[in-house]
Structures are given as C-alpha cells and as structure tokens.
Amino acid sequence: MGLVQGESIAARLLNVLGALRLDRTICAAAGAAGLRYTYGASLGMHVEHFEESELILIWGSNPIASSLHFWTRAQEAKRRGAARS
C-alpha cells in the first residue's frame, strides 16, 4: 500500500487522468464513513493517548500488520503497566 497509495508515481498518473480530487486512502475514508453511519460522527481517540491507558482491548484487528503507529503506542502502554486483551 505505501508505494501505491502514497505520493509516488501513482499521483502523477492520476493527475494526468484528471483525478485531482480522488481520495486515495482505503481505510481512513471508509472507516470515517462507517463511524458516521453507525454513530452519527467520527469518534475515536488520538493515538498518543493510548500510552496513558490502563487497558487496551484489540477487537477484530491485527495492529502489527495494519496499524503500526497504534501498536507502538500500545507497546509503550504495556511497558507502563497496561493490560491488553
């Protein structure tokens, strides 16, 4: 995903095709839309706050593969004594 989704050669191609307003993210836009339809708004914690958590529950996710920015913070919370399930 990084090279395809990020600012690489794909951005040049999409620009040539006229897709200037294309949202090229897969999970961010879909996740925000899902939260709006489910809860009425985008909800969630800032990832920095996870380091201060006493309990982190990971449900239906593999953050090592899909969310390293969160996983790093969860590991710091664990070092500080947080429980994980």
PDB file of N, CA and C in Angstrom:
ATOM      1  N   MET A   1       0.805  -1.202   0.000  1.00  0.00           N
ATOM      2  CA  MET A   1       0.000   0.000   0.000  1.00  0.00           C
ATOM      3  C   MET A   1       0.847   1.264   0.000  1.00  0.00           C
ATOM      4  N   GLY A   2       1.942   1.280   0.710  1.00  0.00           N
ATOM      5  CA  GLY A   2       2.702   2.509   0.855  1.00  0.00           C
ATOM      6  C   GLY A   2       3.122   3.133  -0.452  1.00  0.00           C
ATOM      7  N   LEU A   3       3.713   2.362  -1.348  1.00  0.00           N
ATOM      8  CA  LEU A   3       4.174   2.923  -2.611  1.00  0.00           C
ATOM      9  C   LEU A   3       3.025   3.208  -3.561  1.00  0.00           C
ATOM     10  N   VAL A   4       1.974   2.397  -3.526  1.00  0.00           N
ATOM     11  CA  VAL A   4       0.837   2.616  -4.410  1.00  0.00           C
ATOM     12  C   VAL A   4      -0.031   3.758  -3.903  1.00  0.00           C
ATOM     13  N   GLN A   5      -0.322   3.749  -2.613  1.00  0.00           N
ATOM     14  CA  GLN A   5      -1.231   4.736  -2.039  1.00  0.00           C
ATOM     15  C   GLN A   5      -0.546   6.067  -1.776  1.00  0.00           C
ATOM     16  N   GLY A   6       0.720   6.038  -1.474  1.00  0.00           N
ATOM     17  CA  GLY A   6       1.424   7.257  -1.094  1.00  0.00           C
ATOM     18  C   GLY A   6       1.707   8.160  -2.272  1.00  0.00           C
ATOM     19  N   GLU A   7       2.501   9.170  -2.011  1.00  0.00           N
ATOM     20  CA  GLU A   7       2.829  10.153  -3.040  1.00  0.00           C
ATOM     21  C   GLU A   7       3.937   9.632  -3.934  1.00  0.00           C
ATOM     22  N   SER A   8       3.607   8.714  -4.793  1.00  0.00           N
ATOM     23  CA  SER A   8       4.597   8.120  -5.685  1.00  0.00           C
ATOM     24  C   SER A   8       4.204   8.404  -7.124  1.00  0.00           C
ATOM     25  N   ILE A   9       4.625   7.565  -8.000  1.00  0.00           N
ATOM     26  CA  ILE A   9       4.318   7.723  -9.419  1.00  0.00           C
ATOM     27  C   ILE A   9       2.818   7.671  -9.673  1.00  0.00           C
ATOM     28  N   ALA A  10       2.062   7.003  -8.812  1.00  0.00           N
ATOM     29  CA  ALA A  10       0.608   6.930  -8.983  1.00  0.00           C
ATOM     30  C   ALA A  10      -0.027   8.312  -8.961  1.00  0.00           C
ATOM     31  N   ALA A  11       0.505   9.233  -8.159  1.00  0.00           N
ATOM     32  CA  ALA A  11      -0.037  10.592  -8.103  1.00  0.00           C
ATOM     33  C   ALA A  11       0.100  11.281  -9.452  1.00  0.00           C
ATOM     34  N   ARG A  12       1.215  11.065 -10.115  1.00  0.00           N
ATOM     35  CA  ARG A  12       1.408  11.665 -11.440  1.00  0.00           C
ATOM     36  C   ARG A  12       0.407  11.102 -12.442  1.00  0.00           C
ATOM     37  N   LEU A  13       0.224   9.783 -12.418  1.00  0.00           N
ATOM     38  CA  LEU A  13      -0.723   9.151 -13.329  1.00  0.00           C
ATOM     39  C   LEU A  13      -2.138   9.661 -13.085  1.00  0.00           C
ATOM     40  N   LEU A  14      -2.551   9.702 -11.831  1.00  0.00           N
ATOM     41  CA  LEU A  14      -3.904  10.169 -11.523  1.00  0.00           C
ATOM     42  C   LEU A  14      -4.085  11.624 -11.926  1.00  0.00           C
ATOM     43  N   ASN A  15      -3.056  12.429 -11.797  1.00  0.00           N
ATOM     44  CA  ASN A  15      -3.120  13.826 -12.212  1.00  0.00           C
ATOM     45  C   ASN A  15      -3.338  13.922 -13.718  1.00  0.00           C
ATOM     46  N   VAL A  16      -2.599  13.120 -14.486  1.00  0.00           N
ATOM     47  CA  VAL A  16      -2.743  13.110 -15.946  1.00  0.00           C
ATOM     48  C   VAL A  16      -4.158  12.683 -16.337  1.00  0.00           C
ATOM     49  N   LEU A  17      -4.729  11.743 -15.580  1.00  0.00           N
ATOM     50  CA  LEU A  17      -6.081  11.268 -15.867  1.00  0.00           C
ATOM     51  C   LEU A  17      -7.163  12.244 -15.417  1.00  0.00           C
ATOM     52  N   GLY A  18      -6.771  13.281 -14.692  1.00  0.00           N
ATOM     53  CA  GLY A  18      -7.739  14.269 -14.226  1.00  0.00           C
ATOM     54  C   GLY A  18      -8.391  13.924 -12.909  1.00  0.00           C
ATOM     55  N   ALA A  19      -7.840  12.975 -12.200  1.00  0.00           N
ATOM     56  CA  ALA A  19      -8.404  12.553 -10.913  1.00  0.00           C
ATOM     57  C   ALA A  19      -7.775  13.377  -9.792  1.00  0.00           C
ATOM     58  N   LEU A  20      -7.951  14.668  -9.836  1.00  0.00           N
ATOM     59  CA  LEU A  20      -7.301  15.557  -8.877  1.00  0.00           C
ATOM     60  C   LEU A  20      -7.945  15.501  -7.498  1.00  0.00           C
ATOM     61  N   ARG A  21      -9.225  15.165  -7.429  1.00  0.00           N
ATOM     62  CA  ARG A  21      -9.928  15.154  -6.148  1.00  0.00           C
ATOM     63  C   ARG A  21     -10.145  13.747  -5.623  1.00  0.00           C
ATOM     64  N   LEU A  22      -9.402  12.810  -6.113  1.00  0.00           N
ATOM     65  CA  LEU A  22      -9.538  11.414  -5.708  1.00  0.00           C
ATOM     66  C   LEU A  22      -8.997  11.207  -4.298  1.00  0.00           C
ATOM     67  N   ASP A  23      -9.802  10.600  -3.446  1.00  0.00           N
ATOM     68  CA  ASP A  23      -9.347  10.235  -2.107  1.00  0.00           C
ATOM     69  C   ASP A  23      -8.701   8.868  -2.225  1.00  0.00           C
ATOM     70  N   ARG A  24      -7.368   8.816  -2.153  1.00  0.00           N
ATOM     71  CA  ARG A  24      -6.652   7.581  -2.425  1.00  0.00           C
ATOM     72  C   ARG A  24      -6.441   6.720  -1.192  1.00  0.00           C
ATOM     73  N   THR A  25      -7.031   7.063  -0.076  1.00  0.00           N
ATOM     74  CA  THR A  25      -6.885   6.200   1.089  1.00  0.00           C
ATOM     75  C   THR A  25      -7.915   5.084   1.020  1.00  0.00           C
ATOM     76  N   ILE A  26      -7.584   3.968   1.605  1.00  0.00           N
ATOM     77  CA  ILE A  26      -8.535   2.861   1.632  1.00  0.00           C
ATOM     78  C   ILE A  26      -9.234   2.831   2.985  1.00  0.00           C
ATOM     79  N   CYS A  27      -8.469   2.817   4.066  1.00  0.00           N
ATOM     80  CA  CYS A  27      -9.075   2.599   5.377  1.00  0.00           C
ATOM     81  C   CYS A  27      -9.570   3.889   6.025  1.00  0.00           C
ATOM     82  N   ALA A  28      -8.903   5.001   5.844  1.00  0.00           N
ATOM     83  CA  ALA A  28      -9.289   6.222   6.551  1.00  0.00           C
ATOM     84  C   ALA A  28     -10.665   6.700   6.119  1.00  0.00           C
ATOM     85  N   ALA A  29     -10.894   6.825   4.832  1.00  0.00           N
ATOM     86  CA  ALA A  29     -12.183   7.312   4.347  1.00  0.00           C
ATOM     87  C   ALA A  29     -13.302   6.321   4.652  1.00  0.00           C
ATOM     88  N   ALA A  30     -13.046   5.044   4.436  1.00  0.00           N
ATOM     89  CA  ALA A  30     -14.068   4.026   4.699  1.00  0.00           C
ATOM     90  C   ALA A  30     -14.390   3.946   6.188  1.00  0.00           C
ATOM     91  N   GLY A  31     -13.364   4.027   7.036  1.00  0.00           N
ATOM     92  CA  GLY A  31     -13.581   3.980   8.481  1.00  0.00           C
ATOM     93  C   GLY A  31     -14.377   5.172   8.974  1.00  0.00           C
ATOM     94  N   ALA A  32     -14.044   6.359   8.475  1.00  0.00           N
ATOM     95  CA  ALA A  32     -14.777   7.567   8.881  1.00  0.00           C
ATOM     96  C   ALA A  32     -16.233   7.491   8.440  1.00  0.00           C
ATOM     97  N   ALA A  33     -16.468   7.015   7.223  1.00  0.00           N
ATOM     98  CA  ALA A  33     -17.846   6.876   6.742  1.00  0.00           C
ATOM     99  C   ALA A  33     -18.611   5.856   7.590  1.00  0.00           C
ATOM    100  N   GLY A  34     -17.977   4.747   7.928  1.00  0.00           N
ATOM    101  CA  GLY A  34     -18.623   3.738   8.769  1.00  0.00           C
ATOM    102  C   GLY A  34     -18.998   4.284  10.139  1.00  0.00           C
ATOM    103  N   LEU A  35     -18.095   5.057  10.733  1.00  0.00           N
ATOM    104  CA  LEU A  35     -18.404   5.662  12.036  1.00  0.00           C
ATOM    105  C   LEU A  35     -19.550   6.658  11.924  1.00  0.00           C
ATOM    106  N   ARG A  36     -19.566   7.456  10.858  1.00  0.00           N
ATOM    107  CA  ARG A  36     -20.660   8.427  10.691  1.00  0.00           C
ATOM    108  C   ARG A  36     -21.998   7.709  10.552  1.00  0.00           C
ATOM    109  N   TYR A  37     -22.039   6.630   9.765  1.00  0.00           N
ATOM    110  CA  TYR A  37     -23.293   5.901   9.576  1.00  0.00           C
ATOM    111  C   TYR A  37     -23.713   5.147  10.838  1.00  0.00           C
ATOM    112  N   THR A  38     -22.757   4.686  11.625  1.00  0.00           N
ATOM    113  CA  THR A  38     -23.060   3.910  12.817  1.00  0.00           C
ATOM    114  C   THR A  38     -23.357   4.800  14.019  1.00  0.00           C
ATOM    115  N   TYR A  39     -22.490   5.777  14.260  1.00  0.00           N
ATOM    116  CA  TYR A  39     -22.594   6.613  15.460  1.00  0.00           C
ATOM    117  C   TYR A  39     -23.096   8.021  15.190  1.00  0.00           C
ATOM    118  N   GLY A  40     -23.097   8.446  13.931  1.00  0.00           N
ATOM    119  CA  GLY A  40     -23.516   9.799  13.612  1.00  0.00           C
ATOM    120  C   GLY A  40     -22.351  10.782  13.559  1.00  0.00           C
ATOM    121  N   ALA A  41     -21.160  10.350  13.900  1.00  0.00           N
ATOM    122  CA  ALA A  41     -19.982  11.219  13.880  1.00  0.00           C
ATOM    123  C   ALA A  41     -18.734  10.345  13.874  1.00  0.00           C
ATOM    124  N   SER A  42     -17.639  10.947  13.511  1.00  0.00           N
ATOM    125  CA  SER A  42     -16.362  10.239  13.603  1.00  0.00           C
ATOM    126  C   SER A  42     -15.879  10.311  15.039  1.00  0.00           C
ATOM    127  N   LEU A  43     -15.695   9.161  15.643  1.00  0.00           N
ATOM    128  CA  LEU A  43     -15.264   9.097  17.031  1.00  0.00           C
ATOM    129  C   LEU A  43     -13.937   8.377  17.108  1.00  0.00           C
ATOM    130  N   GLY A  44     -13.260   8.553  18.177  1.00  0.00           N
ATOM    131  CA  GLY A  44     -12.024   7.825  18.373  1.00  0.00           C
ATOM    132  C   GLY A  44     -11.065   8.608  19.238  1.00  0.00           C
ATOM    133  N   MET A  45     -10.023   7.948  19.642  1.00  0.00           N
ATOM    134  CA  MET A  45      -9.002   8.573  20.478  1.00  0.00           C
ATOM    135  C   MET A  45      -7.840   9.005  19.618  1.00  0.00           C
ATOM    136  N   HIS A  46      -7.159  10.033  20.061  1.00  0.00           N
ATOM    137  CA  HIS A  46      -5.880  10.359  19.448  1.00  0.00           C
ATOM    138  C   HIS A  46      -4.913   9.246  19.825  1.00  0.00           C
ATOM    139  N   VAL A  47      -4.144   8.785  18.868  1.00  0.00           N
ATOM    140  CA  VAL A  47      -3.269   7.634  19.089  1.00  0.00           C
ATOM    141  C   VAL A  47      -2.285   7.892  20.235  1.00  0.00           C
ATOM    142  N   GLU A  48      -1.918   9.129  20.466  1.00  0.00           N
ATOM    143  CA  GLU A  48      -0.979   9.446  21.547  1.00  0.00           C
ATOM    144  C   GLU A  48      -1.543   9.103  22.926  1.00  0.00           C
ATOM    145  N   HIS A  49      -2.859   9.120  23.060  1.00  0.00           N
ATOM    146  CA  HIS A  49      -3.488   8.871  24.361  1.00  0.00           C
ATOM    147  C   HIS A  49      -3.421   7.410  24.789  1.00  0.00           C
ATOM    148  N   PHE A  50      -3.182   6.510  23.854  1.00  0.00           N
ATOM    149  CA  PHE A  50      -3.124   5.092  24.207  1.00  0.00           C
ATOM    150  C   PHE A  50      -1.983   4.788  25.172  1.00  0.00           C
ATOM    151  N   GLU A  51      -0.909   5.553  25.111  1.00  0.00           N
ATOM    152  CA  GLU A  51       0.217   5.328  26.017  1.00  0.00           C
ATOM    153  C   GLU A  51      -0.190   5.482  27.480  1.00  0.00           C
ATOM    154  N   GLU A  52      -1.231   6.259  27.738  1.00  0.00           N
ATOM    155  CA  GLU A  52      -1.693   6.524  29.101  1.00  0.00           C
ATOM    156  C   GLU A  52      -2.784   5.554  29.553  1.00  0.00           C
ATOM    157  N   SER A  53      -3.152   4.612  28.708  1.00  0.00           N
ATOM    158  CA  SER A  53      -4.249   3.691  29.011  1.00  0.00           C
ATOM    159  C   SER A  53      -3.849   2.658  30.049  1.00  0.00           C
ATOM    160  N   GLU A  54      -4.831   2.225  30.819  1.00  0.00           N
ATOM    161  CA  GLU A  54      -4.630   1.133  31.770  1.00  0.00           C
ATOM    162  C   GLU A  54      -5.047  -0.199  31.171  1.00  0.00           C
ATOM    163  N   LEU A  55      -5.926  -0.159  30.165  1.00  0.00           N
ATOM    164  CA  LEU A  55      -6.390  -1.365  29.483  1.00  0.00           C
ATOM    165  C   LEU A  55      -6.585  -1.025  28.012  1.00  0.00           C
ATOM    166  N   ILE A  56      -6.078  -1.873  27.144  1.00  0.00           N
ATOM    167  CA  ILE A  56      -6.291  -1.732  25.705  1.00  0.00           C
ATOM    168  C   ILE A  56      -6.910  -3.026  25.209  1.00  0.00           C
ATOM    169  N   LEU A  57      -8.092  -2.928  24.644  1.00  0.00           N
ATOM    170  CA  LEU A  57      -8.807  -4.080  24.097  1.00  0.00           C
ATOM    171  C   LEU A  57      -8.726  -3.990  22.577  1.00  0.00           C
ATOM    172  N   ILE A  58      -8.126  -4.987  21.962  1.00  0.00           N
ATOM    173  CA  ILE A  58      -7.999  -5.028  20.499  1.00  0.00           C
ATOM    174  C   ILE A  58      -8.994  -6.054  19.996  1.00  0.00           C
ATOM    175  N   TRP A  59      -9.970  -5.600  19.239  1.00  0.00           N
ATOM    176  CA  TRP A  59     -11.078  -6.452  18.809  1.00  0.00           C
ATOM    177  C   TRP A  59     -11.113  -6.492  17.285  1.00  0.00           C
ATOM    178  N   GLY A  60     -10.923  -7.654  16.706  1.00  0.00           N
ATOM    179  CA  GLY A  60     -11.049  -7.821  15.264  1.00  0.00           C
ATOM    180  C   GLY A  60     -10.021  -7.062  14.460  1.00  0.00           C
ATOM    181  N   SER A  61      -8.819  -6.959  14.983  1.00  0.00           N
ATOM    182  CA  SER A  61      -7.783  -6.194  14.301  1.00  0.00           C
ATOM    183  C   SER A  61      -6.435  -6.871  14.491  1.00  0.00           C
ATOM    184  N   ASN A  62      -5.548  -6.644  13.582  1.00  0.00           N
ATOM    185  CA  ASN A  62      -4.175  -7.107  13.701  1.00  0.00           C
ATOM    186  C   ASN A  62      -3.275  -5.884  13.571  1.00  0.00           C
ATOM    187  N   PRO A  63      -3.096  -5.137  14.664  1.00  0.00           N
ATOM    188  CA  PRO A  63      -2.372  -3.867  14.570  1.00  0.00           C
ATOM    189  C   PRO A  63      -0.906  -4.007  14.176  1.00  0.00           C
ATOM    190  N   ILE A  64      -0.310  -5.179  14.384  1.00  0.00           N
ATOM    191  CA  ILE A  64       1.070  -5.361  13.957  1.00  0.00           C
ATOM    192  C   ILE A  64       1.156  -5.260  12.439  1.00  0.00           C
ATOM    193  N   ALA A  65       0.125  -5.737  11.755  1.00  0.00           N
ATOM    194  CA  ALA A  65       0.117  -5.704  10.291  1.00  0.00           C
ATOM    195  C   ALA A  65      -0.528  -4.451   9.717  1.00  0.00           C
ATOM    196  N   SER A  66      -1.498  -3.884  10.433  1.00  0.00           N
ATOM    197  CA  SER A  66      -2.286  -2.815   9.816  1.00  0.00           C
ATOM    198  C   SER A  66      -2.218  -1.464  10.518  1.00  0.00           C
ATOM    199  N   SER A  67      -1.605  -1.392  11.673  1.00  0.00           N
ATOM    200  CA  SER A  67      -1.630  -0.127  12.411  1.00  0.00           C
ATOM    201  C   SER A  67      -0.394   0.005  13.307  1.00  0.00           C
ATOM    202  N   LEU A  68       0.755   0.052  12.683  1.00  0.00           N
ATOM    203  CA  LEU A  68       1.995   0.114  13.465  1.00  0.00           C
ATOM    204  C   LEU A  68       2.084   1.369  14.324  1.00  0.00           C
ATOM    205  N   HIS A  69       1.502   2.482  13.858  1.00  0.00           N
ATOM    206  CA  HIS A  69       1.538   3.702  14.674  1.00  0.00           C
ATOM    207  C   HIS A  69       0.789   3.482  15.992  1.00  0.00           C
ATOM    208  N   PHE A  70      -0.329   2.738  15.956  1.00  0.00           N
ATOM    209  CA  PHE A  70      -1.033   2.400  17.185  1.00  0.00           C
ATOM    210  C   PHE A  70      -0.247   1.372  17.993  1.00  0.00           C
ATOM    211  N   TRP A  71       0.276   0.341  17.325  1.00  0.00           N
ATOM    212  CA  TRP A  71       0.957  -0.748  18.022  1.00  0.00           C
ATOM    213  C   TRP A  71       2.137  -0.236  18.830  1.00  0.00           C
ATOM    214  N   THR A  72       2.870   0.702  18.286  1.00  0.00           N
ATOM    215  CA  THR A  72       3.994   1.287  19.017  1.00  0.00           C
ATOM    216  C   THR A  72       3.515   1.916  20.320  1.00  0.00           C
ATOM    217  N   ARG A  73       2.402   2.624  20.263  1.00  0.00           N
ATOM    218  CA  ARG A  73       1.835   3.261  21.471  1.00  0.00           C
ATOM    219  C   ARG A  73       1.301   2.216  22.448  1.00  0.00           C
ATOM    220  N   ALA A  74       0.701   1.145  21.929  1.00  0.00           N
ATOM    221  CA  ALA A  74       0.196   0.080  22.799  1.00  0.00           C
ATOM    222  C   ALA A  74       1.342  -0.611  23.530  1.00  0.00           C
ATOM    223  N   GLN A  75       2.454  -0.812  22.854  1.00  0.00           N
ATOM    224  CA  GLN A  75       3.621  -1.418  23.494  1.00  0.00           C
ATOM    225  C   GLN A  75       4.165  -0.517  24.603  1.00  0.00           C
ATOM    226  N   GLU A  76       4.153   0.786  24.376  1.00  0.00           N
ATOM    227  CA  GLU A  76       4.594   1.718  25.415  1.00  0.00           C
ATOM    228  C   GLU A  76       3.650   1.652  26.611  1.00  0.00           C
ATOM    229  N   ALA A  77       2.336   1.556  26.370  1.00  0.00           N
ATOM    230  CA  ALA A  77       1.358   1.428  27.455  1.00  0.00           C
ATOM    231  C   ALA A  77       1.620   0.144  28.236  1.00  0.00           C
ATOM    232  N   LYS A  78       1.944  -0.924  27.533  1.00  0.00           N
ATOM    233  CA  LYS A  78       2.241  -2.202  28.206  1.00  0.00           C
ATOM    234  C   LYS A  78       3.468  -2.061  29.102  1.00  0.00           C
ATOM    235  N   ARG A  79       4.496  -1.398  28.602  1.00  0.00           N
ATOM    236  CA  ARG A  79       5.695  -1.184  29.424  1.00  0.00           C
ATOM    237  C   ARG A  79       5.378  -0.377  30.686  1.00  0.00           C
ATOM    238  N   ARG A  80       4.377   0.459  30.589  1.00  0.00           N
ATOM    239  CA  ARG A  80       3.960   1.270  31.738  1.00  0.00           C
ATOM    240  C   ARG A  80       2.982   0.547  32.650  1.00  0.00           C
ATOM    241  N   GLY A  81       2.596  -0.693  32.278  1.00  0.00           N
ATOM    242  CA  GLY A  81       1.739  -1.491  33.151  1.00  0.00           C
ATOM    243  C   GLY A  81       0.337  -1.743  32.665  1.00  0.00           C
ATOM    244  N   ALA A  82      -0.008  -1.301  31.466  1.00  0.00           N
ATOM    245  CA  ALA A  82      -1.366  -1.512  30.947  1.00  0.00           C
ATOM    246  C   ALA A  82      -1.589  -2.985  30.636  1.00  0.00           C
ATOM    247  N   ALA A  83      -2.817  -3.423  30.844  1.00  0.00           N
ATOM    248  CA  ALA A  83      -3.209  -4.790  30.464  1.00  0.00           C
ATOM    249  C   ALA A  83      -3.737  -4.754  29.055  1.00  0.00           C
ATOM    250  N   ARG A  84      -3.537  -5.840  28.315  1.00  0.00           N
ATOM    251  CA  ARG A  84      -4.070  -5.955  26.959  1.00  0.00           C
ATOM    252  C   ARG A  84      -4.879  -7.223  26.849  1.00  0.00           C
ATOM    253  N   SER A  85      -5.924  -7.161  26.064  1.00  0.00           N
ATOM    254  CA  SER A  85      -6.734  -8.357  25.773  1.00  0.00           C
ATOM    255  C   SER A  85      -6.841  -8.526  24.291  1.00  0.00           C
TER     256      SER A  85
END
